[in-house]
PDB file of N, CA and C in Angstrom:
ATOM      1  N   MET A   1      -9.233 -17.939   3.455  1.00  0.00           N
ATOM      2  CA  MET A   1      -8.076 -17.166   3.865  1.00  0.00           C
ATOM      3  C   MET A   1      -8.135 -15.790   3.194  1.00  0.00           C
ATOM      4  N   PRO A   2      -8.072 -14.721   3.977  1.00  0.00           N
ATOM      5  CA  PRO A   2      -8.146 -13.387   3.368  1.00  0.00           C
ATOM      6  C   PRO A   2      -6.873 -13.065   2.597  1.00  0.00           C
ATOM      7  N   PRO A   3      -6.992 -12.208   1.594  1.00  0.00           N
ATOM      8  CA  PRO A   3      -5.798 -11.809   0.847  1.00  0.00           C
ATOM      9  C   PRO A   3      -4.881 -10.970   1.733  1.00  0.00           C
ATOM     10  N   PRO A   4      -3.587 -10.943   1.408  1.00  0.00           N
ATOM     11  CA  PRO A   4      -2.676 -10.123   2.199  1.00  0.00           C
ATOM     12  C   PRO A   4      -3.034  -8.642   2.065  1.00  0.00           C
ATOM     13  N   PRO A   5      -2.742  -7.862   3.083  1.00  0.00           N
ATOM     14  CA  PRO A   5      -3.104  -6.445   3.034  1.00  0.00           C
ATOM     15  C   PRO A   5      -2.227  -5.664   2.060  1.00  0.00           C
ATOM     16  N   LEU A   6      -2.758  -4.542   1.654  1.00  0.00           N
ATOM     17  CA  LEU A   6      -1.964  -3.546   0.944  1.00  0.00           C
ATOM     18  C   LEU A   6      -1.408  -2.636   2.019  1.00  0.00           C
ATOM     19  N   ARG A   7      -0.088  -2.509   2.083  1.00  0.00           N
ATOM     20  CA  ARG A   7       0.528  -1.615   3.059  1.00  0.00           C
ATOM     21  C   ARG A   7       1.174  -0.454   2.318  1.00  0.00           C
ATOM     22  N   VAL A   8       0.839   0.749   2.766  1.00  0.00           N
ATOM     23  CA  VAL A   8       1.331   1.976   2.146  1.00  0.00           C
ATOM     24  C   VAL A   8       2.230   2.677   3.164  1.00  0.00           C
ATOM     25  N   PHE A   9       3.507   2.826   2.814  1.00  0.00           N
ATOM     26  CA  PHE A   9       4.488   3.441   3.713  1.00  0.00           C
ATOM     27  C   PHE A   9       4.666   4.905   3.336  1.00  0.00           C
ATOM     28  N   VAL A  10       4.527   5.776   4.338  1.00  0.00           N
ATOM     29  CA  VAL A  10       4.630   7.220   4.128  1.00  0.00           C
ATOM     30  C   VAL A  10       5.531   7.823   5.203  1.00  0.00           C
ATOM     31  N   ALA A  11       5.950   9.064   4.970  1.00  0.00           N
ATOM     32  CA  ALA A  11       6.781   9.784   5.939  1.00  0.00           C
ATOM     33  C   ALA A  11       6.526  11.280   5.786  1.00  0.00           C
ATOM     34  N   PRO A  12       6.672  12.045   6.873  1.00  0.00           N
ATOM     35  CA  PRO A  12       6.518  13.494   6.787  1.00  0.00           C
ATOM     36  C   PRO A  12       7.544  14.088   5.819  1.00  0.00           C
ATOM     37  N   GLY A  13       7.131  15.098   5.100  1.00  0.00           N
ATOM     38  CA  GLY A  13       8.029  15.769   4.167  1.00  0.00           C
ATOM     39  C   GLY A  13       8.171  15.064   2.832  1.00  0.00           C
ATOM     40  N   CYS A  14       7.555  13.928   2.699  1.00  0.00           N
ATOM     41  CA  CYS A  14       7.612  13.161   1.449  1.00  0.00           C
ATOM     42  C   CYS A  14       6.709  13.837   0.421  1.00  0.00           C
ATOM     43  N   PRO A  15       7.262  14.263  -0.729  1.00  0.00           N
ATOM     44  CA  PRO A  15       6.446  14.987  -1.701  1.00  0.00           C
ATOM     45  C   PRO A  15       5.334  14.157  -2.338  1.00  0.00           C
ATOM     46  N   GLY A  16       5.466  12.855  -2.388  1.00  0.00           N
ATOM     47  CA  GLY A  16       4.430  12.027  -3.008  1.00  0.00           C
ATOM     48  C   GLY A  16       3.491  11.372  -2.023  1.00  0.00           C
ATOM     49  N   CYS A  17       3.708  11.599  -0.740  1.00  0.00           N
ATOM     50  CA  CYS A  17       2.929  10.867   0.263  1.00  0.00           C
ATOM     51  C   CYS A  17       1.479  11.333   0.376  1.00  0.00           C
ATOM     52  N   ALA A  18       1.197  12.580   0.106  1.00  0.00           N
ATOM     53  CA  ALA A  18      -0.204  13.030   0.128  1.00  0.00           C
ATOM     54  C   ALA A  18      -0.993  12.256  -0.927  1.00  0.00           C
ATOM     55  N   ARG A  19      -0.405  12.087  -2.095  1.00  0.00           N
ATOM     56  CA  ARG A  19      -1.055  11.300  -3.156  1.00  0.00           C
ATOM     57  C   ARG A  19      -1.175   9.837  -2.740  1.00  0.00           C
ATOM     58  N   ALA A  20      -0.166   9.304  -2.064  1.00  0.00           N
ATOM     59  CA  ALA A  20      -0.222   7.917  -1.598  1.00  0.00           C
ATOM     60  C   ALA A  20      -1.391   7.718  -0.638  1.00  0.00           C
ATOM     61  N   LEU A  21      -1.624   8.687   0.241  1.00  0.00           N
ATOM     62  CA  LEU A  21      -2.760   8.597   1.151  1.00  0.00           C
ATOM     63  C   LEU A  21      -4.080   8.647   0.389  1.00  0.00           C
ATOM     64  N   GLU A  22      -4.137   9.463  -0.660  1.00  0.00           N
ATOM     65  CA  GLU A  22      -5.330   9.499  -1.511  1.00  0.00           C
ATOM     66  C   GLU A  22      -5.557   8.146  -2.174  1.00  0.00           C
ATOM     67  N   LEU A  23      -4.474   7.524  -2.652  1.00  0.00           N
ATOM     68  CA  LEU A  23      -4.597   6.209  -3.292  1.00  0.00           C
ATOM     69  C   LEU A  23      -5.042   5.146  -2.295  1.00  0.00           C
ATOM     70  N   ALA A  24      -4.545   5.212  -1.061  1.00  0.00           N
ATOM     71  CA  ALA A  24      -4.977   4.260  -0.033  1.00  0.00           C
ATOM     72  C   ALA A  24      -6.477   4.408   0.223  1.00  0.00           C
ATOM     73  N   ALA A  25      -6.950   5.643   0.309  1.00  0.00           N
ATOM     74  CA  ALA A  25      -8.379   5.894   0.516  1.00  0.00           C
ATOM     75  C   ALA A  25      -9.184   5.434  -0.702  1.00  0.00           C
ATOM     76  N   PHE A  26      -8.643   5.641  -1.899  1.00  0.00           N
ATOM     77  CA  PHE A  26      -9.289   5.200  -3.135  1.00  0.00           C
ATOM     78  C   PHE A  26      -9.502   3.694  -3.121  1.00  0.00           C
ATOM     79  N   VAL A  27      -8.455   2.950  -2.765  1.00  0.00           N
ATOM     80  CA  VAL A  27      -8.578   1.489  -2.690  1.00  0.00           C
ATOM     81  C   VAL A  27      -9.629   1.111  -1.646  1.00  0.00           C
ATOM     82  N   GLY A  28      -9.621   1.794  -0.507  1.00  0.00           N
ATOM     83  CA  GLY A  28     -10.612   1.528   0.529  1.00  0.00           C
ATOM     84  C   GLY A  28     -12.038   1.724   0.042  1.00  0.00           C
ATOM     85  N   ARG A  29     -12.239   2.721  -0.799  1.00  0.00           N
ATOM     86  CA  ARG A  29     -13.584   2.962  -1.355  1.00  0.00           C
ATOM     87  C   ARG A  29     -13.938   1.948  -2.430  1.00  0.00           C
ATOM     88  N   ARG A  30     -12.984   1.640  -3.309  1.00  0.00           N
ATOM     89  CA  ARG A  30     -13.254   0.760  -4.455  1.00  0.00           C
ATOM     90  C   ARG A  30     -13.210  -0.725  -4.104  1.00  0.00           C
ATOM     91  N   ARG A  31     -12.427  -1.095  -3.101  1.00  0.00           N
ATOM     92  CA  ARG A  31     -12.309  -2.494  -2.670  1.00  0.00           C
ATOM     93  C   ARG A  31     -12.440  -2.541  -1.145  1.00  0.00           C
ATOM     94  N   PRO A  32     -13.641  -2.218  -0.627  1.00  0.00           N
ATOM     95  CA  PRO A  32     -13.811  -2.083   0.824  1.00  0.00           C
ATOM     96  C   PRO A  32     -13.528  -3.363   1.617  1.00  0.00           C
ATOM     97  N   ALA A  33     -13.590  -4.509   0.998  1.00  0.00           N
ATOM     98  CA  ALA A  33     -13.328  -5.760   1.711  1.00  0.00           C
ATOM     99  C   ALA A  33     -11.829  -6.013   1.883  1.00  0.00           C
ATOM    100  N   HIS A  34     -11.006  -5.270   1.158  1.00  0.00           N
ATOM    101  CA  HIS A  34      -9.565  -5.496   1.208  1.00  0.00           C
ATOM    102  C   HIS A  34      -8.944  -4.614   2.301  1.00  0.00           C
ATOM    103  N   THR A  35      -8.070  -5.191   3.086  1.00  0.00           N
ATOM    104  CA  THR A  35      -7.403  -4.453   4.158  1.00  0.00           C
ATOM    105  C   THR A  35      -6.312  -3.557   3.573  1.00  0.00           C
ATOM    106  N   VAL A  36      -6.368  -2.283   3.946  1.00  0.00           N
ATOM    107  CA  VAL A  36      -5.345  -1.312   3.557  1.00  0.00           C
ATOM    108  C   VAL A  36      -4.756  -0.747   4.853  1.00  0.00           C
ATOM    109  N   GLU A  37      -3.440  -0.842   4.969  1.00  0.00           N
ATOM    110  CA  GLU A  37      -2.755  -0.322   6.153  1.00  0.00           C
ATOM    111  C   GLU A  37      -1.818   0.799   5.726  1.00  0.00           C
ATOM    112  N   VAL A  38      -1.909   1.931   6.402  1.00  0.00           N
ATOM    113  CA  VAL A  38      -0.980   3.035   6.168  1.00  0.00           C
ATOM    114  C   VAL A  38       0.038   2.997   7.305  1.00  0.00           C
ATOM    115  N   VAL A  39       1.311   2.966   6.939  1.00  0.00           N
ATOM    116  CA  VAL A  39       2.387   2.897   7.930  1.00  0.00           C
ATOM    117  C   VAL A  39       3.212   4.176   7.837  1.00  0.00           C
ATOM    118  N   ASP A  40       3.202   4.954   8.912  1.00  0.00           N
ATOM    119  CA  ASP A  40       4.010   6.175   8.991  1.00  0.00           C
ATOM    120  C   ASP A  40       5.377   5.771   9.528  1.00  0.00           C
ATOM    121  N   LEU A  41       6.415   6.038   8.775  1.00  0.00           N
ATOM    122  CA  LEU A  41       7.758   5.613   9.166  1.00  0.00           C
ATOM    123  C   LEU A  41       8.251   6.282  10.445  1.00  0.00           C
ATOM    124  N   THR A  42       7.608   7.376  10.866  1.00  0.00           N
ATOM    125  CA  THR A  42       8.017   8.024  12.108  1.00  0.00           C
ATOM    126  C   THR A  42       7.362   7.395  13.336  1.00  0.00           C
ATOM    127  N   ASP A  43       6.423   6.488  13.123  1.00  0.00           N
ATOM    128  CA  ASP A  43       5.787   5.799  14.237  1.00  0.00           C
ATOM    129  C   ASP A  43       6.825   4.876  14.878  1.00  0.00           C
ATOM    130  N   PRO A  44       7.090   5.023  16.172  1.00  0.00           N
ATOM    131  CA  PRO A  44       8.122   4.197  16.808  1.00  0.00           C
ATOM    132  C   PRO A  44       7.851   2.700  16.709  1.00  0.00           C
ATOM    133  N   GLY A  45       6.609   2.303  16.547  1.00  0.00           N
ATOM    134  CA  GLY A  45       6.276   0.886  16.445  1.00  0.00           C
ATOM    135  C   GLY A  45       6.227   0.366  15.020  1.00  0.00           C
ATOM    136  N   ALA A  46       6.557   1.212  14.046  1.00  0.00           N
ATOM    137  CA  ALA A  46       6.467   0.814  12.642  1.00  0.00           C
ATOM    138  C   ALA A  46       7.473  -0.292  12.329  1.00  0.00           C
ATOM    139  N   VAL A  47       6.983  -1.327  11.684  1.00  0.00           N
ATOM    140  CA  VAL A  47       7.841  -2.405  11.199  1.00  0.00           C
ATOM    141  C   VAL A  47       8.069  -2.134   9.717  1.00  0.00           C
ATOM    142  N   VAL A  48       9.325  -1.930   9.357  1.00  0.00           N
ATOM    143  CA  VAL A  48       9.656  -1.533   7.988  1.00  0.00           C
ATOM    144  C   VAL A  48      10.476  -2.639   7.320  1.00  0.00           C
ATOM    145  N   PRO A  49       9.906  -3.300   6.310  1.00  0.00           N
ATOM    146  CA  PRO A  49      10.651  -4.336   5.603  1.00  0.00           C
ATOM    147  C   PRO A  49      11.861  -3.752   4.864  1.00  0.00           C
ATOM    148  N   GLU A  50      12.858  -4.568   4.621  1.00  0.00           N
ATOM    149  CA  GLU A  50      14.066  -4.122   3.918  1.00  0.00           C
ATOM    150  C   GLU A  50      13.762  -3.579   2.532  1.00  0.00           C
ATOM    151  N   ALA A  51      12.693  -4.044   1.909  1.00  0.00           N
ATOM    152  CA  ALA A  51      12.349  -3.601   0.559  1.00  0.00           C
ATOM    153  C   ALA A  51      11.936  -2.134   0.515  1.00  0.00           C
ATOM    154  N   VAL A  52      11.529  -1.582   1.645  1.00  0.00           N
ATOM    155  CA  VAL A  52      11.097  -0.183   1.693  1.00  0.00           C
ATOM    156  C   VAL A  52      12.334   0.684   1.863  1.00  0.00           C
ATOM    157  N   VAL A  53      12.767   1.279   0.750  1.00  0.00           N
ATOM    158  CA  VAL A  53      13.978   2.104   0.761  1.00  0.00           C
ATOM    159  C   VAL A  53      13.661   3.584   0.567  1.00  0.00           C
ATOM    160  N   GLY A  54      12.394   3.907   0.437  1.00  0.00           N
ATOM    161  CA  GLY A  54      11.961   5.288   0.261  1.00  0.00           C
ATOM    162  C   GLY A  54      10.457   5.345   0.374  1.00  0.00           C
ATOM    163  N   THR A  55       9.927   6.552   0.299  1.00  0.00           N
ATOM    164  CA  THR A  55       8.480   6.720   0.379  1.00  0.00           C
ATOM    165  C   THR A  55       8.003   7.587  -0.769  1.00  0.00           C
ATOM    166  N   PRO A  56       6.778   7.386  -1.183  1.00  0.00           N
ATOM    167  CA  PRO A  56       5.864   6.350  -0.735  1.00  0.00           C
ATOM    168  C   PRO A  56       6.263   4.988  -1.308  1.00  0.00           C
ATOM    169  N   ALA A  57       5.883   3.954  -0.579  1.00  0.00           N
ATOM    170  CA  ALA A  57       6.116   2.582  -1.019  1.00  0.00           C
ATOM    171  C   ALA A  57       4.839   1.794  -0.781  1.00  0.00           C
ATOM    172  N   PHE A  58       4.513   0.932  -1.710  1.00  0.00           N
ATOM    173  CA  PHE A  58       3.315   0.102  -1.639  1.00  0.00           C
ATOM    174  C   PHE A  58       3.742  -1.352  -1.620  1.00  0.00           C
ATOM    175  N   LEU A  59       3.329  -2.069  -0.586  1.00  0.00           N
ATOM    176  CA  LEU A  59       3.607  -3.496  -0.500  1.00  0.00           C
ATOM    177  C   LEU A  59       2.306  -4.262  -0.601  1.00  0.00           C
ATOM    178  N   ALA A  60       2.303  -5.243  -1.470  1.00  0.00           N
ATOM    179  CA  ALA A  60       1.182  -6.163  -1.614  1.00  0.00           C
ATOM    180  C   ALA A  60       1.593  -7.420  -0.866  1.00  0.00           C
ATOM    181  N   GLY A  61       1.073  -7.577   0.337  1.00  0.00           N
ATOM    182  CA  GLY A  61       1.580  -8.640   1.194  1.00  0.00           C
ATOM    183  C   GLY A  61       3.000  -8.271   1.592  1.00  0.00           C
ATOM    184  N   ASP A  62       3.959  -9.154   1.315  1.00  0.00           N
ATOM    185  CA  ASP A  62       5.360  -8.877   1.629  1.00  0.00           C
ATOM    186  C   ASP A  62       6.161  -8.444   0.410  1.00  0.00           C
ATOM    187  N   ARG A  63       5.491  -8.299  -0.722  1.00  0.00           N
ATOM    188  CA  ARG A  63       6.174  -7.975  -1.978  1.00  0.00           C
ATOM    189  C   ARG A  63       6.058  -6.483  -2.275  1.00  0.00           C
ATOM    190  N   LEU A  64       7.202  -5.862  -2.575  1.00  0.00           N
ATOM    191  CA  LEU A  64       7.185  -4.458  -2.980  1.00  0.00           C
ATOM    192  C   LEU A  64       6.471  -4.362  -4.315  1.00  0.00           C
ATOM    193  N   PHE A  65       5.357  -3.668  -4.318  1.00  0.00           N
ATOM    194  CA  PHE A  65       4.565  -3.516  -5.534  1.00  0.00           C
ATOM    195  C   PHE A  65       4.954  -2.245  -6.278  1.00  0.00           C
ATOM    196  N   ALA A  66       5.181  -1.172  -5.539  1.00  0.00           N
ATOM    197  CA  ALA A  66       5.533   0.092  -6.184  1.00  0.00           C
ATOM    198  C   ALA A  66       6.328   0.961  -5.217  1.00  0.00           C
ATOM    199  N   LEU A  67       7.404   1.517  -5.724  1.00  0.00           N
ATOM    200  CA  LEU A  67       8.141   2.553  -5.012  1.00  0.00           C
ATOM    201  C   LEU A  67       7.791   3.830  -5.747  1.00  0.00           C
ATOM    202  N   GLY A  68       7.027   4.677  -5.102  1.00  0.00           N
ATOM    203  CA  GLY A  68       6.393   5.798  -5.783  1.00  0.00           C
ATOM    204  C   GLY A  68       4.931   5.447  -5.980  1.00  0.00           C
ATOM    205  N   ASN A  69       4.173   6.372  -6.495  1.00  0.00           N
ATOM    206  CA  ASN A  69       2.730   6.172  -6.628  1.00  0.00           C
ATOM    207  C   ASN A  69       2.372   5.491  -7.945  1.00  0.00           C
ATOM    208  N   PRO A  70       1.711   4.333  -7.867  1.00  0.00           N
ATOM    209  CA  PRO A  70       1.262   3.665  -9.088  1.00  0.00           C
ATOM    210  C   PRO A  70      -0.004   4.324  -9.629  1.00  0.00           C
ATOM    211  N   GLU A  71      -0.312   4.020 -10.858  1.00  0.00           N
ATOM    212  CA  GLU A  71      -1.583   4.467 -11.430  1.00  0.00           C
ATOM    213  C   GLU A  71      -2.722   3.761 -10.692  1.00  0.00           C
ATOM    214  N   PRO A  72      -3.839   4.440 -10.461  1.00  0.00           N
ATOM    215  CA  PRO A  72      -4.944   3.821  -9.717  1.00  0.00           C
ATOM    216  C   PRO A  72      -5.412   2.493 -10.321  1.00  0.00           C
ATOM    217  N   GLU A  73      -5.493   2.408 -11.644  1.00  0.00           N
ATOM    218  CA  GLU A  73      -5.966   1.187 -12.293  1.00  0.00           C
ATOM    219  C   GLU A  73      -5.001   0.027 -12.043  1.00  0.00           C
ATOM    220  N   ARG A  74      -3.708   0.323 -12.060  1.00  0.00           N
ATOM    221  CA  ARG A  74      -2.696  -0.713 -11.797  1.00  0.00           C
ATOM    222  C   ARG A  74      -2.801  -1.192 -10.349  1.00  0.00           C
ATOM    223  N   LEU A  75      -3.064  -0.276  -9.451  1.00  0.00           N
ATOM    224  CA  LEU A  75      -3.207  -0.618  -8.043  1.00  0.00           C
ATOM    225  C   LEU A  75      -4.428  -1.512  -7.830  1.00  0.00           C
ATOM    226  N   LEU A  76      -5.549  -1.161  -8.440  1.00  0.00           N
ATOM    227  CA  LEU A  76      -6.748  -1.999  -8.313  1.00  0.00           C
ATOM    228  C   LEU A  76      -6.523  -3.376  -8.929  1.00  0.00           C
ATOM    229  N   ALA A  77      -5.820  -3.438 -10.051  1.00  0.00           N
ATOM    230  CA  ALA A  77      -5.534  -4.724 -10.694  1.00  0.00           C
ATOM    231  C   ALA A  77      -4.702  -5.603  -9.771  1.00  0.00           C
ATOM    232  N   GLU A  78      -3.759  -5.017  -9.042  1.00  0.00           N
ATOM    233  CA  GLU A  78      -2.944  -5.785  -8.100  1.00  0.00           C
ATOM    234  C   GLU A  78      -3.796  -6.284  -6.932  1.00  0.00           C
ATOM    235  N   ILE A  79      -4.696  -5.455  -6.436  1.00  0.00           N
ATOM    236  CA  ILE A  79      -5.602  -5.867  -5.363  1.00  0.00           C
ATOM    237  C   ILE A  79      -6.465  -7.031  -5.834  1.00  0.00           C
ATOM    238  N   ASP A  80      -6.975  -6.925  -7.048  1.00  0.00           N
ATOM    239  CA  ASP A  80      -7.802  -8.010  -7.588  1.00  0.00           C
ATOM    240  C   ASP A  80      -6.994  -9.283  -7.750  1.00  0.00           C
ATOM    241  N   ARG A  81      -5.736  -9.169  -8.164  1.00  0.00           N
ATOM    242  CA  ARG A  81      -4.860 -10.340  -8.329  1.00  0.00           C
ATOM    243  C   ARG A  81      -4.654 -11.009  -6.972  1.00  0.00           C
ATOM    244  N   LEU A  82      -4.405 -10.216  -5.935  1.00  0.00           N
ATOM    245  CA  LEU A  82      -4.211 -10.766  -4.592  1.00  0.00           C
ATOM    246  C   LEU A  82      -5.464 -11.497  -4.110  1.00  0.00           C
ATOM    247  N   THR A  83      -6.603 -10.907  -4.386  1.00  0.00           N
ATOM    248  CA  THR A  83      -7.871 -11.507  -3.951  1.00  0.00           C
ATOM    249  C   THR A  83      -8.117 -12.815  -4.677  1.00  0.00           C
ATOM    250  N   GLU A  84      -7.899 -12.830  -5.981  1.00  0.00           N
ATOM    251  CA  GLU A  84      -8.112 -14.052  -6.771  1.00  0.00           C
ATOM    252  C   GLU A  84      -7.155 -15.153  -6.352  1.00  0.00           C
ATOM    253  N   ALA A  85      -5.947 -14.799  -5.976  1.00  0.00           N
ATOM    254  CA  ALA A  85      -4.949 -15.808  -5.589  1.00  0.00           C
ATOM    255  C   ALA A  85      -5.327 -16.510  -4.288  1.00  0.00           C
ATOM    256  N   THR A  86      -6.177 -15.915  -3.482  1.00  0.00           N
ATOM    257  CA  THR A  86      -6.549 -16.523  -2.203  1.00  0.00           C
ATOM    258  C   THR A  86      -7.919 -17.187  -2.241  1.00  0.00           C
ATOM    259  N   GLU A  87      -8.596 -17.070  -3.356  1.00  0.00           N
ATOM    260  CA  GLU A  87      -9.951 -17.684  -3.454  1.00  0.00           C
ATOM    261  C   GLU A  87      -9.854 -19.139  -3.824  1.00  0.00           C
TER     262      GLU A  87
END
């Protein structure tokens, strides 16, 4: 069973969202087997969980991991935790 995806919620005009996109790309480079989804809140088809009350927001599976940008090392540690939990 694959680990749950990392979902990164962003919106136009969000001052931290450019960094959030960089972090999503960073995870993609460092953990290429892990699914990373970027969700733009202006997309009419975007499904936004109740936990997402601002941007940027990072969800590990269905759990809010960070509101705002986490440190890269903390983000990788969470990805590794998700992967280990499904092995």
